[in-house]
């Protein structure tokens, strides 16, 4: 199993100071986190695209390019590229360039995104939300699979016989589709022969099992090879479960309550948070053994080949986040890989 980290580069006020870092300082800390993840043998480092004040991640490909220059082996991905408000030709060019810089380590993870600020920002009509994504995904795949693009679109410009350059280092740069709880999206990902990332940030993991089954059925119906599945979850690791809860809860609450105010959710309580971190809960917060148990429990449900952990839901103090990365790489990852290897 591949294990890795994804982040939106949150920059909310730290619980210990009540102040946020400068964006430059937050990005430098991110570089250190990525370097550690690479040096300790984690497999993936991914950055989500967001256009909000509390995130420093509106240009993931630029950040990943900087990370490429400071790492050697780790795969570098978006998580996600909000494709409905992006320009597929430029997305491909950005990540193809990243692939060249990193000697074949780039991936694109596309999705509709969890926020919609980018649509009015770039002049898109939210009434076309679904149509925009589906058409642009088809165009992105056409660009990846054909050096010369011939394209006729409804929401995208027509292109006749134009090359899209540079071409990537990899013969076929991976494109993942991230989904939440929409069966249609899972089916289409399977039918297009795309690996799928399931974001589990609430509820119970077993509730998402139908998404994996639908993804498989989409591939079977289309007569294409079944592709891998990734589980993407919020989480944090410390020496003990209690320590992990005490460090993570203030940051999680700050960020989730802010989003909750916008969406009509009740403020998060400590009891709710702890319940979400139990074995069957959505959050992977606890000791290394807690996280090992959770990943293996979910693997029995999904049989997935990748697990990505978002450790910075809200701003975690740097020293604690670095320690969480270290525990993930040194204790969780080897144990999970060994257990799954023995089970094969």
C-alpha atoms as a PDB file:
ATOM      1  CA  UNK A   1       0.000   0.000   0.000  1.00  0.00           C
ATOM      2  CA  UNK A   2       1.146   3.530  -0.782  1.00  0.00           C
ATOM      3  CA  UNK A   3       0.923   5.889   2.193  1.00  0.00           C
ATOM      4  CA  UNK A   4       1.166   9.636   2.003  1.00  0.00           C
ATOM      5  CA  UNK A   5       0.100  13.077   3.127  1.00  0.00           C
ATOM      6  CA  UNK A   6      -2.186  15.667   1.643  1.00  0.00           C
ATOM      7  CA  UNK A   7      -2.709  19.230   2.775  1.00  0.00           C
ATOM      8  CA  UNK A   8      -4.565  22.404   1.884  1.00  0.00           C
ATOM      9  CA  UNK A   9      -1.734  24.403   3.506  1.00  0.00           C
ATOM     10  CA  UNK A  10      -4.060  25.732   6.198  1.00  0.00           C
ATOM     11  CA  UNK A  11      -2.927  28.927   7.868  1.00  0.00           C
ATOM     12  CA  UNK A  12      -5.454  29.539  10.634  1.00  0.00           C
ATOM     13  CA  UNK A  13      -4.490  31.073  14.003  1.00  0.00           C
ATOM     14  CA  UNK A  14      -2.437  28.731  16.171  1.00  0.00           C
ATOM     15  CA  UNK A  15      -4.154  27.778  19.427  1.00  0.00           C
ATOM     16  CA  UNK A  16      -1.044  28.599  21.475  1.00  0.00           C
ATOM     17  CA  UNK A  17      -0.595  32.151  20.117  1.00  0.00           C
ATOM     18  CA  UNK A  18      -3.964  33.112  18.623  1.00  0.00           C
ATOM     19  CA  UNK A  19      -2.120  34.311  15.506  1.00  0.00           C
ATOM     20  CA  UNK A  20      -1.524  32.870  12.062  1.00  0.00           C
ATOM     21  CA  UNK A  21       1.917  32.579  10.510  1.00  0.00           C
ATOM     22  CA  UNK A  22       2.924  34.777   7.614  1.00  0.00           C
ATOM     23  CA  UNK A  23       2.193  33.019   4.300  1.00  0.00           C
ATOM     24  CA  UNK A  24       5.929  32.875   3.555  1.00  0.00           C
ATOM     25  CA  UNK A  25       6.664  31.194   6.894  1.00  0.00           C
ATOM     26  CA  UNK A  26       3.813  28.743   6.393  1.00  0.00           C
ATOM     27  CA  UNK A  27       5.180  27.732   2.987  1.00  0.00           C
ATOM     28  CA  UNK A  28       8.692  27.262   4.375  1.00  0.00           C
ATOM     29  CA  UNK A  29       7.293  24.968   7.060  1.00  0.00           C
ATOM     30  CA  UNK A  30       5.467  23.061   4.327  1.00  0.00           C
ATOM     31  CA  UNK A  31       8.766  22.530   2.491  1.00  0.00           C
ATOM     32  CA  UNK A  32      10.254  21.020   5.643  1.00  0.00           C
ATOM     33  CA  UNK A  33       7.280  18.700   6.057  1.00  0.00           C
ATOM     34  CA  UNK A  34       7.585  17.514   2.450  1.00  0.00           C
ATOM     35  CA  UNK A  35      11.333  16.985   2.765  1.00  0.00           C
ATOM     36  CA  UNK A  36      10.792  14.864   5.870  1.00  0.00           C
ATOM     37  CA  UNK A  37       8.044  12.827   4.222  1.00  0.00           C
ATOM     38  CA  UNK A  38      10.339  12.124   1.274  1.00  0.00           C
ATOM     39  CA  UNK A  39      13.390  11.378   3.413  1.00  0.00           C
ATOM     40  CA  UNK A  40      11.461   8.922   5.597  1.00  0.00           C
ATOM     41  CA  UNK A  41      10.064   6.996   2.652  1.00  0.00           C
ATOM     42  CA  UNK A  42       6.423   8.049   2.405  1.00  0.00           C
ATOM     43  CA  UNK A  43       5.009   7.569  -1.071  1.00  0.00           C
ATOM     44  CA  UNK A  44       2.854  10.615  -1.885  1.00  0.00           C
ATOM     45  CA  UNK A  45       2.709  14.318  -1.004  1.00  0.00           C
ATOM     46  CA  UNK A  46      -0.375  16.106  -2.320  1.00  0.00           C
ATOM     47  CA  UNK A  47      -1.690  19.672  -2.167  1.00  0.00           C
ATOM     48  CA  UNK A  48      -5.293  20.760  -2.615  1.00  0.00           C
ATOM     49  CA  UNK A  49      -6.335  23.858  -4.550  1.00  0.00           C
ATOM     50  CA  UNK A  50      -8.234  26.459  -2.533  1.00  0.00           C
ATOM     51  CA  UNK A  51      -9.011  30.146  -3.018  1.00  0.00           C
ATOM     52  CA  UNK A  52      -9.860  31.180   0.535  1.00  0.00           C
ATOM     53  CA  UNK A  53      -8.101  33.397   3.049  1.00  0.00           C
ATOM     54  CA  UNK A  54      -7.246  30.566   5.446  1.00  0.00           C
ATOM     55  CA  UNK A  55      -5.341  28.512   2.847  1.00  0.00           C
ATOM     56  CA  UNK A  56      -2.045  29.230   1.076  1.00  0.00           C
ATOM     57  CA  UNK A  57      -2.703  26.819  -1.766  1.00  0.00           C
ATOM     58  CA  UNK A  58      -4.294  28.569  -4.726  1.00  0.00           C
ATOM     59  CA  UNK A  59      -1.376  27.440  -6.948  1.00  0.00           C
ATOM     60  CA  UNK A  60      -0.553  23.802  -6.042  1.00  0.00           C
ATOM     61  CA  UNK A  61       1.571  23.161  -9.122  1.00  0.00           C
ATOM     62  CA  UNK A  62       3.897  26.038  -8.190  1.00  0.00           C
ATOM     63  CA  UNK A  63       4.268  24.749  -4.629  1.00  0.00           C
ATOM     64  CA  UNK A  64       4.803  21.191  -5.859  1.00  0.00           C
ATOM     65  CA  UNK A  65       7.481  22.466  -8.239  1.00  0.00           C
ATOM     66  CA  UNK A  66       9.354  23.918  -5.260  1.00  0.00           C
ATOM     67  CA  UNK A  67       8.932  20.631  -3.398  1.00  0.00           C
ATOM     68  CA  UNK A  68      10.245  18.736  -6.428  1.00  0.00           C
ATOM     69  CA  UNK A  69      13.521  20.632  -6.170  1.00  0.00           C
ATOM     70  CA  UNK A  70      13.918  19.583  -2.517  1.00  0.00           C
ATOM     71  CA  UNK A  71      12.857  15.924  -2.741  1.00  0.00           C
ATOM     72  CA  UNK A  72      13.988  12.824  -4.605  1.00  0.00           C
ATOM     73  CA  UNK A  73      11.449  10.023  -4.600  1.00  0.00           C
ATOM     74  CA  UNK A  74       8.014  11.024  -3.309  1.00  0.00           C
ATOM     75  CA  UNK A  75       5.132  11.317  -5.786  1.00  0.00           C
ATOM     76  CA  UNK A  76       3.713  14.826  -6.116  1.00  0.00           C
ATOM     77  CA  UNK A  77       0.004  15.337  -6.685  1.00  0.00           C
ATOM     78  CA  UNK A  78      -2.786  17.861  -6.500  1.00  0.00           C
ATOM     79  CA  UNK A  79      -5.578  17.010  -4.029  1.00  0.00           C
ATOM     80  CA  UNK A  80      -7.618  18.264  -5.757  1.00  0.00           C
ATOM     81  CA  UNK A  81      -7.390  20.381  -8.880  1.00  0.00           C
ATOM     82  CA  UNK A  82     -10.803  22.113  -9.069  1.00  0.00           C
ATOM     83  CA  UNK A  83     -11.126  21.304 -12.742  1.00  0.00           C
ATOM     84  CA  UNK A  84     -14.507  22.961 -13.341  1.00  0.00           C
ATOM     85  CA  UNK A  85     -12.947  26.405 -12.864  1.00  0.00           C
ATOM     86  CA  UNK A  86      -9.571  25.576 -14.405  1.00  0.00           C
ATOM     87  CA  UNK A  87      -8.343  25.563 -18.011  1.00  0.00           C
ATOM     88  CA  UNK A  88      -7.442  21.950 -18.929  1.00  0.00           C
ATOM     89  CA  UNK A  89      -4.667  22.874 -21.359  1.00  0.00           C
ATOM     90  CA  UNK A  90      -2.908  24.926 -18.673  1.00  0.00           C
ATOM     91  CA  UNK A  91      -3.505  22.245 -16.030  1.00  0.00           C
ATOM     92  CA  UNK A  92      -1.814  19.705 -18.261  1.00  0.00           C
ATOM     93  CA  UNK A  93       1.073  22.043 -19.082  1.00  0.00           C
ATOM     94  CA  UNK A  94       1.658  22.863 -15.400  1.00  0.00           C
ATOM     95  CA  UNK A  95       1.720  19.232 -14.289  1.00  0.00           C
ATOM     96  CA  UNK A  96       3.631  18.060 -17.350  1.00  0.00           C
ATOM     97  CA  UNK A  97       6.297  20.614 -16.452  1.00  0.00           C
ATOM     98  CA  UNK A  98       6.232  19.365 -12.848  1.00  0.00           C
ATOM     99  CA  UNK A  99       6.639  15.838 -14.175  1.00  0.00           C
ATOM    100  CA  UNK A 100       9.733  16.876 -16.117  1.00  0.00           C
ATOM    101  CA  UNK A 101      11.222  18.695 -13.120  1.00  0.00           C
ATOM    102  CA  UNK A 102      10.608  15.716 -10.842  1.00  0.00           C
ATOM    103  CA  UNK A 103      11.642  13.055 -13.373  1.00  0.00           C
ATOM    104  CA  UNK A 104       8.269  11.357 -13.502  1.00  0.00           C
ATOM    105  CA  UNK A 105       6.767  11.934 -10.065  1.00  0.00           C
ATOM    106  CA  UNK A 106       3.764  14.119 -10.962  1.00  0.00           C
ATOM    107  CA  UNK A 107       0.094  13.169 -10.725  1.00  0.00           C
ATOM    108  CA  UNK A 108      -3.140  15.112 -11.115  1.00  0.00           C
ATOM    109  CA  UNK A 109      -6.091  14.483  -8.825  1.00  0.00           C
ATOM    110  CA  UNK A 110      -9.179  16.198 -10.177  1.00  0.00           C
ATOM    111  CA  UNK A 111     -12.462  16.871  -8.440  1.00  0.00           C
ATOM    112  CA  UNK A 112     -15.308  19.331  -8.094  1.00  0.00           C
ATOM    113  CA  UNK A 113     -13.799  20.681  -4.881  1.00  0.00           C
ATOM    114  CA  UNK A 114     -15.308  21.275  -1.464  1.00  0.00           C
ATOM    115  CA  UNK A 115     -15.723  25.053  -1.981  1.00  0.00           C
ATOM    116  CA  UNK A 116     -17.024  27.115  -4.899  1.00  0.00           C
ATOM    117  CA  UNK A 117     -15.145  30.437  -4.538  1.00  0.00           C
ATOM    118  CA  UNK A 118     -13.089  29.764  -7.659  1.00  0.00           C
ATOM    119  CA  UNK A 119     -16.137  29.787  -9.949  1.00  0.00           C
ATOM    120  CA  UNK A 120     -17.155  33.449  -9.571  1.00  0.00           C
ATOM    121  CA  UNK A 121     -13.479  34.376  -9.188  1.00  0.00           C
ATOM    122  CA  UNK A 122     -12.734  33.082 -12.680  1.00  0.00           C
ATOM    123  CA  UNK A 123     -16.059  34.035 -14.223  1.00  0.00           C
ATOM    124  CA  UNK A 124     -17.847  30.656 -14.329  1.00  0.00           C
ATOM    125  CA  UNK A 125     -21.564  30.134 -13.796  1.00  0.00           C
ATOM    126  CA  UNK A 126     -22.324  27.746 -10.940  1.00  0.00           C
ATOM    127  CA  UNK A 127     -25.419  26.591 -12.824  1.00  0.00           C
ATOM    128  CA  UNK A 128     -22.964  24.790 -15.127  1.00  0.00           C
ATOM    129  CA  UNK A 129     -21.058  23.253 -12.201  1.00  0.00           C
ATOM    130  CA  UNK A 130     -21.428  19.604 -13.215  1.00  0.00           C
ATOM    131  CA  UNK A 131     -21.291  20.130 -16.971  1.00  0.00           C
ATOM    132  CA  UNK A 132     -18.107  22.159 -16.676  1.00  0.00           C
ATOM    133  CA  UNK A 133     -16.323  19.453 -14.728  1.00  0.00           C
ATOM    134  CA  UNK A 134     -17.339  16.565 -16.961  1.00  0.00           C
ATOM    135  CA  UNK A 135     -16.458  18.373 -20.190  1.00  0.00           C
ATOM    136  CA  UNK A 136     -13.132  19.595 -18.883  1.00  0.00           C
ATOM    137  CA  UNK A 137     -12.215  16.149 -17.596  1.00  0.00           C
ATOM    138  CA  UNK A 138     -12.849  14.725 -21.055  1.00  0.00           C
ATOM    139  CA  UNK A 139     -10.650  17.446 -22.549  1.00  0.00           C
ATOM    140  CA  UNK A 140      -7.865  16.852 -20.020  1.00  0.00           C
ATOM    141  CA  UNK A 141      -7.841  13.143 -20.843  1.00  0.00           C
ATOM    142  CA  UNK A 142      -7.791  13.936 -24.567  1.00  0.00           C
ATOM    143  CA  UNK A 143      -4.771  16.193 -24.026  1.00  0.00           C
ATOM    144  CA  UNK A 144      -2.960  13.561 -21.986  1.00  0.00           C
ATOM    145  CA  UNK A 145      -3.596  10.808 -24.491  1.00  0.00           C
ATOM    146  CA  UNK A 146      -2.962  12.772 -27.706  1.00  0.00           C
ATOM    147  CA  UNK A 147      -0.053  15.079 -28.473  1.00  0.00           C
ATOM    148  CA  UNK A 148      -2.124  16.849 -31.129  1.00  0.00           C
ATOM    149  CA  UNK A 149      -5.463  18.065 -29.800  1.00  0.00           C
ATOM    150  CA  UNK A 150      -8.641  18.204 -31.842  1.00  0.00           C
ATOM    151  CA  UNK A 151     -11.481  19.327 -29.640  1.00  0.00           C
ATOM    152  CA  UNK A 152     -15.005  20.667 -29.972  1.00  0.00           C
ATOM    153  CA  UNK A 153     -16.554  21.864 -26.724  1.00  0.00           C
ATOM    154  CA  UNK A 154     -19.642  23.519 -25.337  1.00  0.00           C
ATOM    155  CA  UNK A 155     -18.006  25.287 -22.384  1.00  0.00           C
ATOM    156  CA  UNK A 156     -14.409  25.068 -23.656  1.00  0.00           C
ATOM    157  CA  UNK A 157     -12.854  26.590 -26.791  1.00  0.00           C
ATOM    158  CA  UNK A 158     -12.645  24.512 -29.950  1.00  0.00           C
ATOM    159  CA  UNK A 159      -9.123  23.409 -30.829  1.00  0.00           C
ATOM    160  CA  UNK A 160      -8.141  22.115 -34.250  1.00  0.00           C
ATOM    161  CA  UNK A 161      -4.860  20.269 -34.711  1.00  0.00           C
ATOM    162  CA  UNK A 162      -2.826  22.020 -32.031  1.00  0.00           C
ATOM    163  CA  UNK A 163      -0.018  20.435 -30.064  1.00  0.00           C
ATOM    164  CA  UNK A 164      -0.033  20.791 -26.276  1.00  0.00           C
ATOM    165  CA  UNK A 165       3.488  21.053 -24.859  1.00  0.00           C
ATOM    166  CA  UNK A 166       5.612  20.151 -23.045  1.00  0.00           C
ATOM    167  CA  UNK A 167       4.807  16.471 -22.937  1.00  0.00           C
ATOM    168  CA  UNK A 168       5.458  14.827 -19.570  1.00  0.00           C
ATOM    169  CA  UNK A 169       8.374  12.647 -18.501  1.00  0.00           C
ATOM    170  CA  UNK A 170       5.971   9.733 -17.962  1.00  0.00           C
ATOM    171  CA  UNK A 171       4.397   8.176 -21.013  1.00  0.00           C
ATOM    172  CA  UNK A 172       0.971   8.461 -19.383  1.00  0.00           C
ATOM    173  CA  UNK A 173       0.807  10.846 -16.437  1.00  0.00           C
ATOM    174  CA  UNK A 174      -1.630   9.507 -13.792  1.00  0.00           C
ATOM    175  CA  UNK A 175      -4.945  11.324 -13.433  1.00  0.00           C
ATOM    176  CA  UNK A 176      -7.057  10.402 -10.398  1.00  0.00           C
ATOM    177  CA  UNK A 177     -10.672  11.367  -9.844  1.00  0.00           C
ATOM    178  CA  UNK A 178     -11.619  12.353  -6.289  1.00  0.00           C
ATOM    179  CA  UNK A 179     -15.196  11.720  -5.190  1.00  0.00           C
ATOM    180  CA  UNK A 180     -17.277  12.321  -2.087  1.00  0.00           C
ATOM    181  CA  UNK A 181     -20.575  10.490  -1.896  1.00  0.00           C
ATOM    182  CA  UNK A 182     -21.911  10.723  -5.459  1.00  0.00           C
ATOM    183  CA  UNK A 183     -22.422   7.294  -7.080  1.00  0.00           C
ATOM    184  CA  UNK A 184     -22.528   8.781 -10.587  1.00  0.00           C
ATOM    185  CA  UNK A 185     -19.011  10.186 -10.133  1.00  0.00           C
ATOM    186  CA  UNK A 186     -17.694   6.810  -8.954  1.00  0.00           C
ATOM    187  CA  UNK A 187     -19.249   5.035 -11.926  1.00  0.00           C
ATOM    188  CA  UNK A 188     -17.848   7.532 -14.421  1.00  0.00           C
ATOM    189  CA  UNK A 189     -14.378   7.268 -12.908  1.00  0.00           C
ATOM    190  CA  UNK A 190     -14.469   3.515 -13.351  1.00  0.00           C
ATOM    191  CA  UNK A 191     -15.855   3.734 -16.885  1.00  0.00           C
ATOM    192  CA  UNK A 192     -13.095   6.170 -17.870  1.00  0.00           C
ATOM    193  CA  UNK A 193     -10.439   3.849 -16.489  1.00  0.00           C
ATOM    194  CA  UNK A 194      -9.380   6.338 -13.813  1.00  0.00           C
ATOM    195  CA  UNK A 195      -8.098   5.540 -10.332  1.00  0.00           C
ATOM    196  CA  UNK A 196     -10.426   6.982  -7.703  1.00  0.00           C
ATOM    197  CA  UNK A 197      -9.822   8.738  -4.385  1.00  0.00           C
ATOM    198  CA  UNK A 198     -12.652   8.554  -1.848  1.00  0.00           C
ATOM    199  CA  UNK A 199     -12.656  11.435   0.635  1.00  0.00           C
ATOM    200  CA  UNK A 200     -13.958  10.130   3.951  1.00  0.00           C
ATOM    201  CA  UNK A 201     -14.283  13.117   6.288  1.00  0.00           C
ATOM    202  CA  UNK A 202     -17.510  12.225   8.034  1.00  0.00           C
ATOM    203  CA  UNK A 203     -19.816   9.325   8.812  1.00  0.00           C
ATOM    204  CA  UNK A 204     -18.599   5.729   8.822  1.00  0.00           C
ATOM    205  CA  UNK A 205     -16.170   4.248   6.280  1.00  0.00           C
ATOM    206  CA  UNK A 206     -18.432   1.279   5.536  1.00  0.00           C
ATOM    207  CA  UNK A 207     -21.026   3.751   4.233  1.00  0.00           C
ATOM    208  CA  UNK A 208     -18.636   4.459   1.350  1.00  0.00           C
ATOM    209  CA  UNK A 209     -18.161   0.815   0.327  1.00  0.00           C
ATOM    210  CA  UNK A 210     -20.819   1.139  -2.411  1.00  0.00           C
ATOM    211  CA  UNK A 211     -18.633   3.802  -4.050  1.00  0.00           C
ATOM    212  CA  UNK A 212     -15.829   1.275  -4.514  1.00  0.00           C
ATOM    213  CA  UNK A 213     -18.281  -1.309  -5.847  1.00  0.00           C
ATOM    214  CA  UNK A 214     -19.782   1.188  -8.302  1.00  0.00           C
ATOM    215  CA  UNK A 215     -16.293   2.208  -9.480  1.00  0.00           C
ATOM    216  CA  UNK A 216     -15.551  -1.445 -10.214  1.00  0.00           C
ATOM    217  CA  UNK A 217     -18.861  -1.901 -12.043  1.00  0.00           C
ATOM    218  CA  UNK A 218     -18.193   1.176 -14.184  1.00  0.00           C
ATOM    219  CA  UNK A 219     -14.918  -0.348 -15.357  1.00  0.00           C
ATOM    220  CA  UNK A 220     -16.564  -3.712 -16.061  1.00  0.00           C
ATOM    221  CA  UNK A 221     -19.417  -2.140 -18.036  1.00  0.00           C
ATOM    222  CA  UNK A 222     -16.968  -0.101 -20.121  1.00  0.00           C
ATOM    223  CA  UNK A 223     -14.668  -3.065 -20.692  1.00  0.00           C
ATOM    224  CA  UNK A 224     -11.651  -1.286 -19.217  1.00  0.00           C
ATOM    225  CA  UNK A 225      -9.136  -2.410 -16.605  1.00  0.00           C
ATOM    226  CA  UNK A 226     -10.155  -1.819 -12.999  1.00  0.00           C
ATOM    227  CA  UNK A 227      -8.076   0.938 -11.405  1.00  0.00           C
ATOM    228  CA  UNK A 228      -6.783   1.505  -7.846  1.00  0.00           C
ATOM    229  CA  UNK A 229      -8.639   3.236  -5.026  1.00  0.00           C
ATOM    230  CA  UNK A 230      -7.237   5.680  -2.473  1.00  0.00           C
ATOM    231  CA  UNK A 231      -8.831   6.530   0.866  1.00  0.00           C
ATOM    232  CA  UNK A 232      -8.221  10.161   1.897  1.00  0.00           C
ATOM    233  CA  UNK A 233      -8.936  11.065   5.535  1.00  0.00           C
ATOM    234  CA  UNK A 234      -8.394  13.719   8.155  1.00  0.00           C
ATOM    235  CA  UNK A 235      -6.032  12.689  10.933  1.00  0.00           C
ATOM    236  CA  UNK A 236      -3.143  13.307  13.289  1.00  0.00           C
ATOM    237  CA  UNK A 237      -0.704  11.064  15.167  1.00  0.00           C
ATOM    238  CA  UNK A 238       1.016  11.475  18.541  1.00  0.00           C
ATOM    239  CA  UNK A 239       2.677   9.135  21.013  1.00  0.00           C
ATOM    240  CA  UNK A 240      -0.627   8.426  22.753  1.00  0.00           C
ATOM    241  CA  UNK A 241      -4.280   8.713  21.826  1.00  0.00           C
ATOM    242  CA  UNK A 242      -4.896  11.324  24.532  1.00  0.00           C
ATOM    243  CA  UNK A 243      -1.992  13.478  23.366  1.00  0.00           C
ATOM    244  CA  UNK A 244      -3.200  13.277  19.764  1.00  0.00           C
ATOM    245  CA  UNK A 245      -6.693  14.350  20.792  1.00  0.00           C
ATOM    246  CA  UNK A 246      -5.409  17.252  22.885  1.00  0.00           C
ATOM    247  CA  UNK A 247      -3.238  18.603  20.067  1.00  0.00           C
ATOM    248  CA  UNK A 248      -5.592  18.007  17.148  1.00  0.00           C
ATOM    249  CA  UNK A 249      -8.951  18.986  18.616  1.00  0.00           C
ATOM    250  CA  UNK A 250      -8.368  22.780  18.951  1.00  0.00           C
ATOM    251  CA  UNK A 251      -7.117  23.007  15.362  1.00  0.00           C
ATOM    252  CA  UNK A 252      -9.849  20.770  13.941  1.00  0.00           C
ATOM    253  CA  UNK A 253     -12.523  22.689  15.846  1.00  0.00           C
ATOM    254  CA  UNK A 254     -11.242  26.096  14.681  1.00  0.00           C
ATOM    255  CA  UNK A 255     -11.377  25.095  11.042  1.00  0.00           C
ATOM    256  CA  UNK A 256     -14.515  22.952  11.039  1.00  0.00           C
ATOM    257  CA  UNK A 257     -16.500  25.487  13.074  1.00  0.00           C
ATOM    258  CA  UNK A 258     -15.572  28.199  10.574  1.00  0.00           C
ATOM    259  CA  UNK A 259     -16.858  26.053   7.726  1.00  0.00           C
ATOM    260  CA  UNK A 260     -19.831  25.040   9.853  1.00  0.00           C
ATOM    261  CA  UNK A 261     -20.894  28.668  10.313  1.00  0.00           C
ATOM    262  CA  UNK A 262     -21.116  28.983   6.536  1.00  0.00           C
ATOM    263  CA  UNK A 263     -23.012  25.713   6.078  1.00  0.00           C
ATOM    264  CA  UNK A 264     -25.298  25.692   9.088  1.00  0.00           C
ATOM    265  CA  UNK A 265     -23.524  23.034  11.147  1.00  0.00           C
ATOM    266  CA  UNK A 266     -23.466  23.044  14.931  1.00  0.00           C
ATOM    267  CA  UNK A 267     -20.100  23.763  16.620  1.00  0.00           C
ATOM    268  CA  UNK A 268     -17.958  20.655  17.076  1.00  0.00           C
ATOM    269  CA  UNK A 269     -17.794  19.263  20.607  1.00  0.00           C
ATOM    270  CA  UNK A 270     -14.933  17.270  22.107  1.00  0.00           C
ATOM    271  CA  UNK A 271     -17.269  14.295  22.496  1.00  0.00           C
ATOM    272  CA  UNK A 272     -18.202  14.378  18.795  1.00  0.00           C
ATOM    273  CA  UNK A 273     -14.561  14.676  17.813  1.00  0.00           C
ATOM    274  CA  UNK A 274     -13.492  11.733  19.947  1.00  0.00           C
ATOM    275  CA  UNK A 275     -16.329   9.605  18.597  1.00  0.00           C
ATOM    276  CA  UNK A 276     -15.196  10.356  15.038  1.00  0.00           C
ATOM    277  CA  UNK A 277     -11.737   9.036  15.946  1.00  0.00           C
ATOM    278  CA  UNK A 278     -12.903   5.598  17.091  1.00  0.00           C
ATOM    279  CA  UNK A 279     -12.018   2.606  14.918  1.00  0.00           C
ATOM    280  CA  UNK A 280     -15.199   2.894  12.833  1.00  0.00           C
ATOM    281  CA  UNK A 281     -15.110   6.698  12.668  1.00  0.00           C
ATOM    282  CA  UNK A 282     -13.964   8.907   9.807  1.00  0.00           C
ATOM    283  CA  UNK A 283     -10.981  10.631  11.471  1.00  0.00           C
ATOM    284  CA  UNK A 284      -7.612   8.903  11.841  1.00  0.00           C
ATOM    285  CA  UNK A 285      -6.468  10.601  15.061  1.00  0.00           C
ATOM    286  CA  UNK A 286      -4.601   8.716  17.766  1.00  0.00           C
ATOM    287  CA  UNK A 287      -1.475   6.755  18.595  1.00  0.00           C
ATOM    288  CA  UNK A 288       0.489   4.933  15.878  1.00  0.00           C
ATOM    289  CA  UNK A 289      -1.282   1.688  16.784  1.00  0.00           C
ATOM    290  CA  UNK A 290      -4.673   3.398  16.530  1.00  0.00           C
ATOM    291  CA  UNK A 291      -3.851   4.508  12.993  1.00  0.00           C
ATOM    292  CA  UNK A 292      -2.447   1.101  12.017  1.00  0.00           C
ATOM    293  CA  UNK A 293      -5.643  -0.541  13.224  1.00  0.00           C
ATOM    294  CA  UNK A 294      -7.820   1.977  11.377  1.00  0.00           C
ATOM    295  CA  UNK A 295      -6.011   1.622   8.042  1.00  0.00           C
ATOM    296  CA  UNK A 296      -6.141  -2.183   8.235  1.00  0.00           C
ATOM    297  CA  UNK A 297      -9.813  -2.079   9.259  1.00  0.00           C
ATOM    298  CA  UNK A 298     -10.620   0.099   6.252  1.00  0.00           C
ATOM    299  CA  UNK A 299      -8.535  -2.119   3.974  1.00  0.00           C
ATOM    300  CA  UNK A 300     -10.838  -5.027   4.821  1.00  0.00           C
ATOM    301  CA  UNK A 301     -13.712  -2.886   3.555  1.00  0.00           C
ATOM    302  CA  UNK A 302     -12.184  -1.353   0.431  1.00  0.00           C
ATOM    303  CA  UNK A 303      -9.069  -3.336  -0.487  1.00  0.00           C
ATOM    304  CA  UNK A 304      -7.530   0.026  -1.395  1.00  0.00           C
ATOM    305  CA  UNK A 305      -3.927   0.448  -2.504  1.00  0.00           C
ATOM    306  CA  UNK A 306      -3.335   4.007  -1.231  1.00  0.00           C
ATOM    307  CA  UNK A 307      -4.076   5.899   1.975  1.00  0.00           C
ATOM    308  CA  UNK A 308      -3.548   9.662   2.288  1.00  0.00           C
ATOM    309  CA  UNK A 309      -3.753  11.518   5.590  1.00  0.00           C
ATOM    310  CA  UNK A 310      -4.549  15.214   6.000  1.00  0.00           C
ATOM    311  CA  UNK A 311      -2.781  16.112   9.247  1.00  0.00           C
ATOM    312  CA  UNK A 312      -3.279  19.870   9.128  1.00  0.00           C
ATOM    313  CA  UNK A 313      -7.019  20.392   9.492  1.00  0.00           C
ATOM    314  CA  UNK A 314      -6.573  23.827  10.940  1.00  0.00           C
ATOM    315  CA  UNK A 315      -3.094  24.845  12.030  1.00  0.00           C
ATOM    316  CA  UNK A 316      -1.148  22.315  14.101  1.00  0.00           C
ATOM    317  CA  UNK A 317       2.062  23.598  15.765  1.00  0.00           C
ATOM    318  CA  UNK A 318       5.014  22.806  13.502  1.00  0.00           C
ATOM    319  CA  UNK A 319       6.895  20.635  15.995  1.00  0.00           C
ATOM    320  CA  UNK A 320       3.795  18.513  16.553  1.00  0.00           C
ATOM    321  CA  UNK A 321       3.069  18.191  12.844  1.00  0.00           C
ATOM    322  CA  UNK A 322       6.649  17.139  12.128  1.00  0.00           C
ATOM    323  CA  UNK A 323       6.395  14.507  14.860  1.00  0.00           C
ATOM    324  CA  UNK A 324       3.128  13.253  13.366  1.00  0.00           C
ATOM    325  CA  UNK A 325       4.805  12.871   9.961  1.00  0.00           C
ATOM    326  CA  UNK A 326       7.684  11.026  11.611  1.00  0.00           C
ATOM    327  CA  UNK A 327       5.383   8.608  13.446  1.00  0.00           C
ATOM    328  CA  UNK A 328       3.368   8.006  10.284  1.00  0.00           C
ATOM    329  CA  UNK A 329       6.494   7.175   8.286  1.00  0.00           C
ATOM    330  CA  UNK A 330       8.509   5.271  10.900  1.00  0.00           C
ATOM    331  CA  UNK A 331       5.846   3.357  12.806  1.00  0.00           C
ATOM    332  CA  UNK A 332       2.550   3.296  10.922  1.00  0.00           C
ATOM    333  CA  UNK A 333       3.707   2.790   7.337  1.00  0.00           C
ATOM    334  CA  UNK A 334       6.107  -0.147   7.964  1.00  0.00           C
ATOM    335  CA  UNK A 335       3.563  -1.966  10.129  1.00  0.00           C
ATOM    336  CA  UNK A 336       0.754  -1.552   7.591  1.00  0.00           C
ATOM    337  CA  UNK A 337       2.929  -2.665   4.687  1.00  0.00           C
ATOM    338  CA  UNK A 338       4.214  -5.689   6.580  1.00  0.00           C
ATOM    339  CA  UNK A 339       0.736  -6.749   7.666  1.00  0.00           C
ATOM    340  CA  UNK A 340      -0.648  -6.480   4.151  1.00  0.00           C
ATOM    341  CA  UNK A 341       2.316  -8.313   2.681  1.00  0.00           C
ATOM    342  CA  UNK A 342       1.820 -11.205   5.115  1.00  0.00           C
ATOM    343  CA  UNK A 343      -1.899 -11.268   4.272  1.00  0.00           C
ATOM    344  CA  UNK A 344      -1.279 -11.645   0.531  1.00  0.00           C
END
